[in-house]
Amino acid sequence: QVQLVESGGGLVQPGDSLRLSCAFSGITLDSFALGWFRRAPGKEREGVLCISKSDGWTKRRDSSQGRFTISRNNAKNTVYLQMNSLTPEDTAVYYCAADYRDDADCELTTNEYDFWGQGTQVTVSS
């Protein structure tokens, strides 16, 4: 059984940092691109960052996410999202996801992904 479990969310103040973690079980991460997505209140789920399965190549949705960094540790079956200089606009439920791929690419479209976590709430408020 495949499980993805996010952790590290919470309530923080503007300007703070958070690191989200996503622990995988039931799959071997070597064959999967990994992604972080988020859904803000009243909005559609959107891609934030993804990372390829092999060489660590990453893609971000737009330059505003230069504050965010994705990384992976296949030996620990974990993917991370480091978020710095958080703003209230970053408030959302954050999801990790895994996309089985034959190539060394990653995408930020939700329907590419095969497995999803349940999400972790991040709230940025003063």
PDB file of N, CA and C in Angstrom:
ATOM      1  N   GLN A   1       0.846  -1.191   0.000  1.00  0.00           N
ATOM      2  CA  GLN A   1       0.000   0.000   0.000  1.00  0.00           C
ATOM      3  C   GLN A   1       0.882   1.241   0.000  1.00  0.00           C
ATOM      4  N   VAL A   2       0.580   2.143  -0.920  1.00  0.00           N
ATOM      5  CA  VAL A   2       1.357   3.369  -1.048  1.00  0.00           C
ATOM      6  C   VAL A   2       0.818   4.418  -0.072  1.00  0.00           C
ATOM      7  N   GLN A   3       1.728   5.020   0.658  1.00  0.00           N
ATOM      8  CA  GLN A   3       1.340   6.094   1.569  1.00  0.00           C
ATOM      9  C   GLN A   3       2.307   7.260   1.442  1.00  0.00           C
ATOM     10  N   LEU A   4       1.752   8.458   1.443  1.00  0.00           N
ATOM     11  CA  LEU A   4       2.527   9.683   1.466  1.00  0.00           C
ATOM     12  C   LEU A   4       2.010  10.498   2.647  1.00  0.00           C
ATOM     13  N   VAL A   5       2.889  10.854   3.539  1.00  0.00           N
ATOM     14  CA  VAL A   5       2.478  11.552   4.753  1.00  0.00           C
ATOM     15  C   VAL A   5       3.281  12.841   4.898  1.00  0.00           C
ATOM     16  N   GLU A   6       2.563  13.964   4.792  1.00  0.00           N
ATOM     17  CA  GLU A   6       3.201  15.265   4.949  1.00  0.00           C
ATOM     18  C   GLU A   6       3.276  15.653   6.423  1.00  0.00           C
ATOM     19  N   SER A   7       4.264  16.457   6.754  1.00  0.00           N
ATOM     20  CA  SER A   7       4.389  17.000   8.106  1.00  0.00           C
ATOM     21  C   SER A   7       5.134  18.325   8.035  1.00  0.00           C
ATOM     22  N   GLY A   8       5.071  19.079   9.128  1.00  0.00           N
ATOM     23  CA  GLY A   8       5.814  20.326   9.216  1.00  0.00           C
ATOM     24  C   GLY A   8       5.000  21.580   9.037  1.00  0.00           C
ATOM     25  N   GLY A   9       3.722  21.445   8.737  1.00  0.00           N
ATOM     26  CA  GLY A   9       2.885  22.629   8.593  1.00  0.00           C
ATOM     27  C   GLY A   9       2.571  23.255   9.944  1.00  0.00           C
ATOM     28  N   GLY A  10       1.923  24.411   9.887  1.00  0.00           N
ATOM     29  CA  GLY A  10       1.554  25.080  11.122  1.00  0.00           C
ATOM     30  C   GLY A  10       1.222  26.536  10.905  1.00  0.00           C
ATOM     31  N   LEU A  11       1.105  27.250  12.005  1.00  0.00           N
ATOM     32  CA  LEU A  11       0.814  28.680  11.988  1.00  0.00           C
ATOM     33  C   LEU A  11       2.114  29.446  12.219  1.00  0.00           C
ATOM     34  N   VAL A  12       2.445  30.323  11.289  1.00  0.00           N
ATOM     35  CA  VAL A  12       3.661  31.112  11.400  1.00  0.00           C
ATOM     36  C   VAL A  12       3.343  32.568  11.069  1.00  0.00           C
ATOM     37  N   GLN A  13       4.295  33.427  11.374  1.00  0.00           N
ATOM     38  CA  GLN A  13       4.133  34.844  11.081  1.00  0.00           C
ATOM     39  C   GLN A  13       4.768  35.204   9.745  1.00  0.00           C
ATOM     40  N   PRO A  14       4.313  36.285   9.151  1.00  0.00           N
ATOM     41  CA  PRO A  14       4.957  36.732   7.901  1.00  0.00           C
ATOM     42  C   PRO A  14       6.463  36.907   8.085  1.00  0.00           C
ATOM     43  N   GLY A  15       7.212  36.438   7.094  1.00  0.00           N
ATOM     44  CA  GLY A  15       8.665  36.498   7.162  1.00  0.00           C
ATOM     45  C   GLY A  15       9.313  35.256   7.727  1.00  0.00           C
ATOM     46  N   ASP A  16       8.539  34.389   8.355  1.00  0.00           N
ATOM     47  CA  ASP A  16       9.077  33.154   8.926  1.00  0.00           C
ATOM     48  C   ASP A  16       9.382  32.129   7.845  1.00  0.00           C
ATOM     49  N   SER A  17      10.039  31.066   8.267  1.00  0.00           N
ATOM     50  CA  SER A  17      10.358  29.938   7.395  1.00  0.00           C
ATOM     51  C   SER A  17       9.728  28.663   7.936  1.00  0.00           C
ATOM     52  N   LEU A  18       9.477  27.744   7.041  1.00  0.00           N
ATOM     53  CA  LEU A  18       8.994  26.407   7.389  1.00  0.00           C
ATOM     54  C   LEU A  18       9.640  25.407   6.464  1.00  0.00           C
ATOM     55  N   ARG A  19       9.844  24.211   6.980  1.00  0.00           N
ATOM     56  CA  ARG A  19      10.257  23.106   6.111  1.00  0.00           C
ATOM     57  C   ARG A  19       9.227  21.995   6.231  1.00  0.00           C
ATOM     58  N   LEU A  20       8.615  21.699   5.106  1.00  0.00           N
ATOM     59  CA  LEU A  20       7.678  20.594   5.033  1.00  0.00           C
ATOM     60  C   LEU A  20       8.416  19.328   4.632  1.00  0.00           C
ATOM     61  N   SER A  21       7.960  18.213   5.171  1.00  0.00           N
ATOM     62  CA  SER A  21       8.506  16.909   4.809  1.00  0.00           C
ATOM     63  C   SER A  21       7.384  16.020   4.315  1.00  0.00           C
ATOM     64  N   CYS A  22       7.725  15.100   3.451  1.00  0.00           N
ATOM     65  CA  CYS A  22       6.766  14.112   2.978  1.00  0.00           C
ATOM     66  C   CYS A  22       7.465  12.766   2.964  1.00  0.00           C
ATOM     67  N   ALA A  23       6.973  11.865   3.783  1.00  0.00           N
ATOM     68  CA  ALA A  23       7.539  10.529   3.874  1.00  0.00           C
ATOM     69  C   ALA A  23       6.715   9.565   3.045  1.00  0.00           C
ATOM     70  N   PHE A  24       7.413   8.784   2.205  1.00  0.00           N
ATOM     71  CA  PHE A  24       6.780   7.829   1.312  1.00  0.00           C
ATOM     72  C   PHE A  24       6.979   6.415   1.835  1.00  0.00           C
ATOM     73  N   SER A  25       5.989   5.577   1.582  1.00  0.00           N
ATOM     74  CA  SER A  25       6.141   4.148   1.811  1.00  0.00           C
ATOM     75  C   SER A  25       5.365   3.417   0.731  1.00  0.00           C
ATOM     76  N   GLY A  26       5.819   2.213   0.422  1.00  0.00           N
ATOM     77  CA  GLY A  26       5.125   1.404  -0.563  1.00  0.00           C
ATOM     78  C   GLY A  26       5.575   1.601  -1.997  1.00  0.00           C
ATOM     79  N   ILE A  27       6.473   2.560  -2.243  1.00  0.00           N
ATOM     80  CA  ILE A  27       7.032   2.766  -3.568  1.00  0.00           C
ATOM     81  C   ILE A  27       8.524   3.030  -3.448  1.00  0.00           C
ATOM     82  N   THR A  28       9.224   2.819  -4.551  1.00  0.00           N
ATOM     83  CA  THR A  28      10.653   3.127  -4.617  1.00  0.00           C
ATOM     84  C   THR A  28      10.805   4.453  -5.336  1.00  0.00           C
ATOM     85  N   LEU A  29      11.319   5.445  -4.645  1.00  0.00           N
ATOM     86  CA  LEU A  29      11.316   6.798  -5.180  1.00  0.00           C
ATOM     87  C   LEU A  29      12.183   6.959  -6.420  1.00  0.00           C
ATOM     88  N   ASP A  30      13.103   6.037  -6.670  1.00  0.00           N
ATOM     89  CA  ASP A  30      14.016   6.166  -7.804  1.00  0.00           C
ATOM     90  C   ASP A  30      13.285   6.332  -9.133  1.00  0.00           C
ATOM     91  N   SER A  31      12.062   5.846  -9.239  1.00  0.00           N
ATOM     92  CA  SER A  31      11.327   5.873 -10.503  1.00  0.00           C
ATOM     93  C   SER A  31      10.322   7.018 -10.588  1.00  0.00           C
ATOM     94  N   PHE A  32      10.326   7.881  -9.599  1.00  0.00           N
ATOM     95  CA  PHE A  32       9.280   8.895  -9.522  1.00  0.00           C
ATOM     96  C   PHE A  32       9.847  10.302  -9.471  1.00  0.00           C
ATOM     97  N   ALA A  33       9.247  11.173 -10.282  1.00  0.00           N
ATOM     98  CA  ALA A  33       9.395  12.597 -10.028  1.00  0.00           C
ATOM     99  C   ALA A  33       8.489  12.951  -8.851  1.00  0.00           C
ATOM    100  N   LEU A  34       8.880  13.949  -8.114  1.00  0.00           N
ATOM    101  CA  LEU A  34       8.131  14.335  -6.917  1.00  0.00           C
ATOM    102  C   LEU A  34       7.742  15.799  -6.998  1.00  0.00           C
ATOM    103  N   GLY A  35       6.594  16.110  -6.450  1.00  0.00           N
ATOM    104  CA  GLY A  35       6.128  17.483  -6.531  1.00  0.00           C
ATOM    105  C   GLY A  35       5.451  17.940  -5.259  1.00  0.00           C
ATOM    106  N   TRP A  36       5.449  19.247  -5.088  1.00  0.00           N
ATOM    107  CA  TRP A  36       4.665  19.890  -4.044  1.00  0.00           C
ATOM    108  C   TRP A  36       3.619  20.763  -4.708  1.00  0.00           C
ATOM    109  N   PHE A  37       2.413  20.668  -4.203  1.00  0.00           N
ATOM    110  CA  PHE A  37       1.279  21.438  -4.691  1.00  0.00           C
ATOM    111  C   PHE A  37       0.628  22.125  -3.498  1.00  0.00           C
ATOM    112  N   ARG A  38      -0.231  23.087  -3.794  1.00  0.00           N
ATOM    113  CA  ARG A  38      -0.956  23.722  -2.699  1.00  0.00           C
ATOM    114  C   ARG A  38      -2.333  24.150  -3.177  1.00  0.00           C
ATOM    115  N   ARG A  39      -3.245  24.246  -2.220  1.00  0.00           N
ATOM    116  CA  ARG A  39      -4.580  24.761  -2.519  1.00  0.00           C
ATOM    117  C   ARG A  39      -4.921  25.814  -1.484  1.00  0.00           C
ATOM    118  N   ALA A  40      -4.982  27.048  -1.932  1.00  0.00           N
ATOM    119  CA  ALA A  40      -5.366  28.157  -1.064  1.00  0.00           C
ATOM    120  C   ALA A  40      -6.882  28.202  -0.947  1.00  0.00           C
ATOM    121  N   PRO A  41      -7.395  28.819   0.103  1.00  0.00           N
ATOM    122  CA  PRO A  41      -8.851  28.902   0.277  1.00  0.00           C
ATOM    123  C   PRO A  41      -9.531  29.500  -0.948  1.00  0.00           C
ATOM    124  N   GLY A  42     -10.524  28.799  -1.466  1.00  0.00           N
ATOM    125  CA  GLY A  42     -11.289  29.293  -2.600  1.00  0.00           C
ATOM    126  C   GLY A  42     -10.601  29.192  -3.937  1.00  0.00           C
ATOM    127  N   LYS A  43      -9.448  28.518  -4.003  1.00  0.00           N
ATOM    128  CA  LYS A  43      -8.709  28.422  -5.254  1.00  0.00           C
ATOM    129  C   LYS A  43      -8.484  26.970  -5.641  1.00  0.00           C
ATOM    130  N   GLU A  44      -8.076  26.791  -6.888  1.00  0.00           N
ATOM    131  CA  GLU A  44      -7.743  25.462  -7.377  1.00  0.00           C
ATOM    132  C   GLU A  44      -6.371  25.028  -6.837  1.00  0.00           C
ATOM    133  N   ARG A  45      -6.171  23.729  -6.807  1.00  0.00           N
ATOM    134  CA  ARG A  45      -4.856  23.211  -6.453  1.00  0.00           C
ATOM    135  C   ARG A  45      -3.859  23.599  -7.541  1.00  0.00           C
ATOM    136  N   GLU A  46      -2.672  24.052  -7.138  1.00  0.00           N
ATOM    137  CA  GLU A  46      -1.672  24.472  -8.109  1.00  0.00           C
ATOM    138  C   GLU A  46      -0.316  23.879  -7.759  1.00  0.00           C
ATOM    139  N   GLY A  47       0.490  23.691  -8.786  1.00  0.00           N
ATOM    140  CA  GLY A  47       1.832  23.198  -8.572  1.00  0.00           C
ATOM    141  C   GLY A  47       2.730  24.282  -8.007  1.00  0.00           C
ATOM    142  N   VAL A  48       3.630  23.879  -7.130  1.00  0.00           N
ATOM    143  CA  VAL A  48       4.599  24.815  -6.538  1.00  0.00           C
ATOM    144  C   VAL A  48       5.994  24.530  -7.083  1.00  0.00           C
ATOM    145  N   LEU A  49       6.468  23.342  -6.850  1.00  0.00           N
ATOM    146  CA  LEU A  49       7.791  22.923  -7.303  1.00  0.00           C
ATOM    147  C   LEU A  49       7.766  21.428  -7.559  1.00  0.00           C
ATOM    148  N   CYS A  50       8.584  20.987  -8.503  1.00  0.00           N
ATOM    149  CA  CYS A  50       8.775  19.560  -8.680  1.00  0.00           C
ATOM    150  C   CYS A  50      10.265  19.278  -8.870  1.00  0.00           C
ATOM    151  N   ILE A  51      10.627  18.015  -8.685  1.00  0.00           N
ATOM    152  CA  ILE A  51      12.022  17.605  -8.814  1.00  0.00           C
ATOM    153  C   ILE A  51      12.060  16.281  -9.560  1.00  0.00           C
ATOM    154  N   SER A  52      12.988  16.166 -10.507  1.00  0.00           N
ATOM    155  CA  SER A  52      13.087  14.967 -11.323  1.00  0.00           C
ATOM    156  C   SER A  52      13.579  13.800 -10.501  1.00  0.00           C
ATOM    157  N   LYS A  53      13.454  12.614 -11.102  1.00  0.00           N
ATOM    158  CA  LYS A  53      13.753  11.405 -10.340  1.00  0.00           C
ATOM    159  C   LYS A  53      15.250  11.151 -10.190  1.00  0.00           C
ATOM    160  N   SER A  54      16.057  11.704 -11.101  1.00  0.00           N
ATOM    161  CA  SER A  54      17.449  11.272 -11.108  1.00  0.00           C
ATOM    162  C   SER A  54      18.450  12.384 -10.802  1.00  0.00           C
ATOM    163  N   ASP A  55      18.475  13.428 -11.628  1.00  0.00           N
ATOM    164  CA  ASP A  55      19.570  14.390 -11.505  1.00  0.00           C
ATOM    165  C   ASP A  55      19.231  15.594 -10.643  1.00  0.00           C
ATOM    166  N   GLY A  56      18.046  15.571 -10.008  1.00  0.00           N
ATOM    167  CA  GLY A  56      17.701  16.672  -9.130  1.00  0.00           C
ATOM    168  C   GLY A  56      17.283  17.935  -9.832  1.00  0.00           C
ATOM    169  N   TRP A  57      17.009  17.821 -11.142  1.00  0.00           N
ATOM    170  CA  TRP A  57      16.513  18.993 -11.895  1.00  0.00           C
ATOM    171  C   TRP A  57      15.161  19.391 -11.340  1.00  0.00           C
ATOM    172  N   THR A  58      14.942  20.701 -11.168  1.00  0.00           N
ATOM    173  CA  THR A  58      13.706  21.174 -10.566  1.00  0.00           C
ATOM    174  C   THR A  58      12.982  22.145 -11.483  1.00  0.00           C
ATOM    175  N   LYS A  59      11.708  22.303 -11.241  1.00  0.00           N
ATOM    176  CA  LYS A  59      10.882  23.258 -11.979  1.00  0.00           C
ATOM    177  C   LYS A  59       9.995  23.948 -10.957  1.00  0.00           C
ATOM    178  N   ARG A  60       9.845  25.253 -11.110  1.00  0.00           N
ATOM    179  CA  ARG A  60       8.959  25.995 -10.219  1.00  0.00           C
ATOM    180  C   ARG A  60       7.885  26.674 -11.031  1.00  0.00           C
ATOM    181  N   ARG A  61       6.775  26.964 -10.371  1.00  0.00           N
ATOM    182  CA  ARG A  61       5.627  27.502 -11.091  1.00  0.00           C
ATOM    183  C   ARG A  61       5.929  28.899 -11.603  1.00  0.00           C
ATOM    184  N   ASP A  62       6.508  29.741 -10.787  1.00  0.00           N
ATOM    185  CA  ASP A  62       6.891  31.069 -11.246  1.00  0.00           C
ATOM    186  C   ASP A  62       7.975  31.624 -10.332  1.00  0.00           C
ATOM    187  N   SER A  63       8.473  32.751 -10.690  1.00  0.00           N
ATOM    188  CA  SER A  63       9.631  33.297  -9.993  1.00  0.00           C
ATOM    189  C   SER A  63       9.323  33.687  -8.556  1.00  0.00           C
ATOM    190  N   SER A  64       8.045  33.867  -8.258  1.00  0.00           N
ATOM    191  CA  SER A  64       7.714  34.252  -6.880  1.00  0.00           C
ATOM    192  C   SER A  64       8.071  33.143  -5.906  1.00  0.00           C
ATOM    193  N   GLN A  65       8.189  31.916  -6.460  1.00  0.00           N
ATOM    194  CA  GLN A  65       8.580  30.809  -5.598  1.00  0.00           C
ATOM    195  C   GLN A  65      10.084  30.639  -5.503  1.00  0.00           C
ATOM    196  N   GLY A  66      10.844  31.696  -5.842  1.00  0.00           N
ATOM    197  CA  GLY A  66      12.273  31.662  -5.585  1.00  0.00           C
ATOM    198  C   GLY A  66      12.560  31.553  -4.106  1.00  0.00           C
ATOM    199  N   ARG A  67      11.550  31.806  -3.288  1.00  0.00           N
ATOM    200  CA  ARG A  67      11.707  31.669  -1.841  1.00  0.00           C
ATOM    201  C   ARG A  67      11.611  30.215  -1.398  1.00  0.00           C
ATOM    202  N   PHE A  68      11.170  29.361  -2.294  1.00  0.00           N
ATOM    203  CA  PHE A  68      10.947  27.960  -1.951  1.00  0.00           C
ATOM    204  C   PHE A  68      12.007  27.082  -2.628  1.00  0.00           C
ATOM    205  N   THR A  69      12.363  25.991  -1.961  1.00  0.00           N
ATOM    206  CA  THR A  69      13.316  25.029  -2.504  1.00  0.00           C
ATOM    207  C   THR A  69      12.807  23.620  -2.253  1.00  0.00           C
ATOM    208  N   ILE A  70      12.888  22.790  -3.272  1.00  0.00           N
ATOM    209  CA  ILE A  70      12.518  21.386  -3.125  1.00  0.00           C
ATOM    210  C   ILE A  70      13.779  20.542  -3.118  1.00  0.00           C
ATOM    211  N   SER A  71      13.778  19.492  -2.321  1.00  0.00           N
ATOM    212  CA  SER A  71      14.897  18.543  -2.313  1.00  0.00           C
ATOM    213  C   SER A  71      14.346  17.164  -1.978  1.00  0.00           C
ATOM    214  N   ARG A  72      15.144  16.171  -2.287  1.00  0.00           N
ATOM    215  CA  ARG A  72      14.704  14.798  -2.042  1.00  0.00           C
ATOM    216  C   ARG A  72      15.847  13.981  -1.483  1.00  0.00           C
ATOM    217  N   ASN A  73      15.496  12.993  -0.687  1.00  0.00           N
ATOM    218  CA  ASN A  73      16.455  12.033  -0.161  1.00  0.00           C
ATOM    219  C   ASN A  73      15.865  10.658  -0.407  1.00  0.00           C
ATOM    220  N   ASN A  74      16.300  10.032  -1.494  1.00  0.00           N
ATOM    221  CA  ASN A  74      15.715   8.739  -1.861  1.00  0.00           C
ATOM    222  C   ASN A  74      16.026   7.675  -0.820  1.00  0.00           C
ATOM    223  N   ALA A  75      17.176   7.774  -0.188  1.00  0.00           N
ATOM    224  CA  ALA A  75      17.539   6.779   0.823  1.00  0.00           C
ATOM    225  C   ALA A  75      16.586   6.822   2.019  1.00  0.00           C
ATOM    226  N   LYS A  76      16.058   8.016   2.281  1.00  0.00           N
ATOM    227  CA  LYS A  76      15.109   8.174   3.384  1.00  0.00           C
ATOM    228  C   LYS A  76      13.673   8.192   2.909  1.00  0.00           C
ATOM    229  N   ASN A  77      13.474   8.026   1.594  1.00  0.00           N
ATOM    230  CA  ASN A  77      12.120   8.044   1.031  1.00  0.00           C
ATOM    231  C   ASN A  77      11.364   9.305   1.443  1.00  0.00           C
ATOM    232  N   THR A  78      12.033  10.421   1.305  1.00  0.00           N
ATOM    233  CA  THR A  78      11.457  11.675   1.774  1.00  0.00           C
ATOM    234  C   THR A  78      11.731  12.796   0.778  1.00  0.00           C
ATOM    235  N   VAL A  79      10.765  13.684   0.633  1.00  0.00           N
ATOM    236  CA  VAL A  79      10.933  14.910  -0.135  1.00  0.00           C
ATOM    237  C   VAL A  79      10.627  16.078   0.786  1.00  0.00           C
ATOM    238  N   TYR A  80      11.326  17.188   0.546  1.00  0.00           N
ATOM    239  CA  TYR A  80      11.214  18.341   1.416  1.00  0.00           C
ATOM    240  C   TYR A  80      10.820  19.579   0.615  1.00  0.00           C
ATOM    241  N   LEU A  81      10.162  20.499   1.303  1.00  0.00           N
ATOM    242  CA  LEU A  81       9.897  21.818   0.737  1.00  0.00           C
ATOM    243  C   LEU A  81      10.326  22.850   1.775  1.00  0.00           C
ATOM    244  N   GLN A  82      11.403  23.548   1.465  1.00  0.00           N
ATOM    245  CA  GLN A  82      11.872  24.623   2.325  1.00  0.00           C
ATOM    246  C   GLN A  82      11.227  25.922   1.858  1.00  0.00           C
ATOM    247  N   MET A  83      10.532  26.599   2.753  1.00  0.00           N
ATOM    248  CA  MET A  83       9.824  27.828   2.406  1.00  0.00           C
ATOM    249  C   MET A  83      10.346  28.961   3.287  1.00  0.00           C
ATOM    250  N   ASN A  84      10.839  29.992   2.647  1.00  0.00           N
ATOM    251  CA  ASN A  84      11.386  31.142   3.358  1.00  0.00           C
ATOM    252  C   ASN A  84      10.567  32.393   3.070  1.00  0.00           C
ATOM    253  N   SER A  85      10.697  33.372   3.950  1.00  0.00           N
ATOM    254  CA  SER A  85      10.031  34.672   3.778  1.00  0.00           C
ATOM    255  C   SER A  85       8.556  34.498   3.451  1.00  0.00           C
ATOM    256  N   LEU A  86       7.893  33.727   4.254  1.00  0.00           N
ATOM    257  CA  LEU A  86       6.486  33.416   3.989  1.00  0.00           C
ATOM    258  C   LEU A  86       5.605  34.659   4.103  1.00  0.00           C
ATOM    259  N   THR A  87       4.589  34.699   3.274  1.00  0.00           N
ATOM    260  CA  THR A  87       3.613  35.787   3.273  1.00  0.00           C
ATOM    261  C   THR A  87       2.216  35.205   3.476  1.00  0.00           C
ATOM    262  N   PRO A  88       1.255  36.022   3.827  1.00  0.00           N
ATOM    263  CA  PRO A  88      -0.117  35.499   3.979  1.00  0.00           C
ATOM    264  C   PRO A  88      -0.647  34.834   2.713  1.00  0.00           C
ATOM    265  N   GLU A  89      -0.131  35.242   1.555  1.00  0.00           N
ATOM    266  CA  GLU A  89      -0.580  34.639   0.300  1.00  0.00           C
ATOM    267  C   GLU A  89      -0.107  33.197   0.147  1.00  0.00           C
ATOM    268  N   ASP A  90       0.815  32.777   0.997  1.00  0.00           N
ATOM    269  CA  ASP A  90       1.273  31.387   0.973  1.00  0.00           C
ATOM    270  C   ASP A  90       0.383  30.475   1.806  1.00  0.00           C
ATOM    271  N   THR A  91      -0.593  31.036   2.488  1.00  0.00           N
ATOM    272  CA  THR A  91      -1.517  30.225   3.275  1.00  0.00           C
ATOM    273  C   THR A  91      -2.275  29.262   2.374  1.00  0.00           C
ATOM    274  N   ALA A  92      -2.191  27.971   2.707  1.00  0.00           N
ATOM    275  CA  ALA A  92      -2.798  26.941   1.863  1.00  0.00           C
ATOM    276  C   ALA A  92      -2.601  25.585   2.525  1.00  0.00           C
ATOM    277  N   VAL A  93      -3.291  24.600   1.986  1.00  0.00           N
ATOM    278  CA  VAL A  93      -2.971  23.210   2.286  1.00  0.00           C
ATOM    279  C   VAL A  93      -1.930  22.759   1.266  1.00  0.00           C
ATOM    280  N   TYR A  94      -0.837  22.220   1.756  1.00  0.00           N
ATOM    281  CA  TYR A  94       0.271  21.784   0.897  1.00  0.00           C
ATOM    282  C   TYR A  94       0.265  20.264   0.781  1.00  0.00           C
ATOM    283  N   TYR A  95       0.399  19.813  -0.455  1.00  0.00           N
ATOM    284  CA  TYR A  95       0.354  18.393  -0.759  1.00  0.00           C
ATOM    285  C   TYR A  95       1.649  17.959  -1.434  1.00  0.00           C
ATOM    286  N   CYS A  96       2.116  16.760  -1.105  1.00  0.00           N
ATOM    287  CA  CYS A  96       3.186  16.155  -1.887  1.00  0.00           C
ATOM    288  C   CYS A  96       2.575  15.104  -2.801  1.00  0.00           C
ATOM    289  N   ALA A  97       3.289  14.801  -3.879  1.00  0.00           N
ATOM    290  CA  ALA A  97       2.782  13.853  -4.858  1.00  0.00           C
ATOM    291  C   ALA A  97       3.937  13.195  -5.591  1.00  0.00           C
ATOM    292  N   ALA A  98       3.659  12.004  -6.136  1.00  0.00           N
ATOM    293  CA  ALA A  98       4.664  11.234  -6.864  1.00  0.00           C
ATOM    294  C   ALA A  98       4.148  10.884  -8.244  1.00  0.00           C
ATOM    295  N   ASP A  99       5.008  11.045  -9.234  1.00  0.00           N
ATOM    296  CA  ASP A  99       4.674  10.833 -10.644  1.00  0.00           C
ATOM    297  C   ASP A  99       5.645   9.816 -11.227  1.00  0.00           C
ATOM    298  N   TYR A 100       5.144   8.634 -11.582  1.00  0.00           N
ATOM    299  CA  TYR A 100       5.995   7.617 -12.194  1.00  0.00           C
ATOM    300  C   TYR A 100       6.410   8.072 -13.590  1.00  0.00           C
ATOM    301  N   ARG A 101       7.724   8.081 -13.869  1.00  0.00           N
ATOM    302  CA  ARG A 101       8.200   8.591 -15.152  1.00  0.00           C
ATOM    303  C   ARG A 101       9.305   7.699 -15.731  1.00  0.00           C
ATOM    304  N   ASP A 102       9.314   7.675 -17.088  1.00  0.00           N
ATOM    305  CA  ASP A 102      10.407   7.002 -17.803  1.00  0.00           C
ATOM    306  C   ASP A 102      11.534   7.965 -18.139  1.00  0.00           C
ATOM    307  N   ASP A 103      11.281   9.260 -18.010  1.00  0.00           N
ATOM    308  CA  ASP A 103      12.288  10.256 -18.381  1.00  0.00           C
ATOM    309  C   ASP A 103      12.739  11.045 -17.158  1.00  0.00           C
ATOM    310  N   ALA A 104      13.709  11.909 -17.388  1.00  0.00           N
ATOM    311  CA  ALA A 104      14.277  12.714 -16.294  1.00  0.00           C
ATOM    312  C   ALA A 104      13.666  14.103 -16.308  1.00  0.00           C
ATOM    313  N   ASP A 105      12.353  14.149 -16.251  1.00  0.00           N
ATOM    314  CA  ASP A 105      11.638  15.418 -16.295  1.00  0.00           C
ATOM    315  C   ASP A 105      10.686  15.466 -15.108  1.00  0.00           C
ATOM    316  N   CYS A 106      10.079  16.612 -14.879  1.00  0.00           N
ATOM    317  CA  CYS A 106       8.986  16.700 -13.921  1.00  0.00           C
ATOM    318  C   CYS A 106       8.030  17.778 -14.399  1.00  0.00           C
ATOM    319  N   GLU A 107       6.792  17.649 -14.013  1.00  0.00           N
ATOM    320  CA  GLU A 107       5.744  18.571 -14.422  1.00  0.00           C
ATOM    321  C   GLU A 107       5.003  19.099 -13.202  1.00  0.00           C
ATOM    322  N   LEU A 108       4.311  20.195 -13.408  1.00  0.00           N
ATOM    323  CA  LEU A 108       3.543  20.804 -12.327  1.00  0.00           C
ATOM    324  C   LEU A 108       2.046  20.752 -12.585  1.00  0.00           C
ATOM    325  N   THR A 109       1.626  19.765 -13.355  1.00  0.00           N
ATOM    326  CA  THR A 109       0.203  19.574 -13.615  1.00  0.00           C
ATOM    327  C   THR A 109      -0.319  18.439 -12.743  1.00  0.00           C
ATOM    328  N   THR A 110      -1.426  18.674 -12.093  1.00  0.00           N
ATOM    329  CA  THR A 110      -1.903  17.720 -11.090  1.00  0.00           C
ATOM    330  C   THR A 110      -2.236  16.357 -11.704  1.00  0.00           C
ATOM    331  N   ASN A 111      -2.746  16.339 -12.938  1.00  0.00           N
ATOM    332  CA  ASN A 111      -3.180  15.052 -13.464  1.00  0.00           C
ATOM    333  C   ASN A 111      -2.023  14.168 -13.904  1.00  0.00           C
ATOM    334  N   GLU A 112      -0.785  14.665 -13.823  1.00  0.00           N
ATOM    335  CA  GLU A 112       0.375  13.827 -14.109  1.00  0.00           C
ATOM    336  C   GLU A 112       0.671  12.855 -12.978  1.00  0.00           C
ATOM    337  N   TYR A 113       0.224  13.188 -11.778  1.00  0.00           N
ATOM    338  CA  TYR A 113       0.702  12.515 -10.588  1.00  0.00           C
ATOM    339  C   TYR A 113      -0.157  11.319 -10.197  1.00  0.00           C
ATOM    340  N   ASP A 114       0.539  10.277  -9.753  1.00  0.00           N
ATOM    341  CA  ASP A 114      -0.101   8.995  -9.481  1.00  0.00           C
ATOM    342  C   ASP A 114      -0.517   8.836  -8.023  1.00  0.00           C
ATOM    343  N   PHE A 115       0.256   9.411  -7.136  1.00  0.00           N
ATOM    344  CA  PHE A 115       0.006   9.222  -5.711  1.00  0.00           C
ATOM    345  C   PHE A 115       0.076  10.575  -5.005  1.00  0.00           C
ATOM    346  N   TRP A 116      -0.801  10.725  -4.011  1.00  0.00           N
ATOM    347  CA  TRP A 116      -0.928  11.999  -3.292  1.00  0.00           C
ATOM    348  C   TRP A 116      -0.973  11.776  -1.785  1.00  0.00           C
ATOM    349  N   GLY A 117      -0.435  12.764  -1.063  1.00  0.00           N
ATOM    350  CA  GLY A 117      -0.629  12.786   0.369  1.00  0.00           C
ATOM    351  C   GLY A 117      -1.933  13.473   0.735  1.00  0.00           C
ATOM    352  N   GLN A 118      -2.229  13.500   2.016  1.00  0.00           N
ATOM    353  CA  GLN A 118      -3.480  14.091   2.500  1.00  0.00           C
ATOM    354  C   GLN A 118      -3.378  15.596   2.715  1.00  0.00           C
ATOM    355  N   GLY A 119      -2.169  16.107   2.749  1.00  0.00           N
ATOM    356  CA  GLY A 119      -1.984  17.546   2.888  1.00  0.00           C
ATOM    357  C   GLY A 119      -1.659  17.977   4.304  1.00  0.00           C
ATOM    358  N   THR A 120      -0.964  19.106   4.391  1.00  0.00           N
ATOM    359  CA  THR A 120      -0.657  19.725   5.679  1.00  0.00           C
ATOM    360  C   THR A 120      -0.955  21.214   5.575  1.00  0.00           C
ATOM    361  N   GLN A 121      -1.603  21.756   6.591  1.00  0.00           N
ATOM    362  CA  GLN A 121      -2.032  23.150   6.559  1.00  0.00           C
ATOM    363  C   GLN A 121      -0.872  24.069   6.924  1.00  0.00           C
ATOM    364  N   VAL A 122      -0.685  25.086   6.100  1.00  0.00           N
ATOM    365  CA  VAL A 122       0.255  26.170   6.403  1.00  0.00           C
ATOM    366  C   VAL A 122      -0.547  27.463   6.469  1.00  0.00           C
ATOM    367  N   THR A 123      -0.470  28.137   7.594  1.00  0.00           N
ATOM    368  CA  THR A 123      -1.160  29.406   7.776  1.00  0.00           C
ATOM    369  C   THR A 123      -0.144  30.475   8.147  1.00  0.00           C
ATOM    370  N   VAL A 124      -0.134  31.544   7.365  1.00  0.00           N
ATOM    371  CA  VAL A 124       0.784  32.653   7.603  1.00  0.00           C
ATOM    372  C   VAL A 124      -0.051  33.858   8.013  1.00  0.00           C
ATOM    373  N   SER A 125       0.099  34.260   9.250  1.00  0.00           N
ATOM    374  CA  SER A 125      -0.730  35.340   9.762  1.00  0.00           C
ATOM    375  C   SER A 125      -0.041  36.014  10.944  1.00  0.00           C
ATOM    376  N   SER A 126      -0.242  37.317  11.038  1.00  0.00           N
ATOM    377  CA  SER A 126       0.294  38.044  12.176  1.00  0.00           C
ATOM    378  C   SER A 126      -0.745  38.140  13.285  1.00  0.00           C
TER     379      SER A 126
END
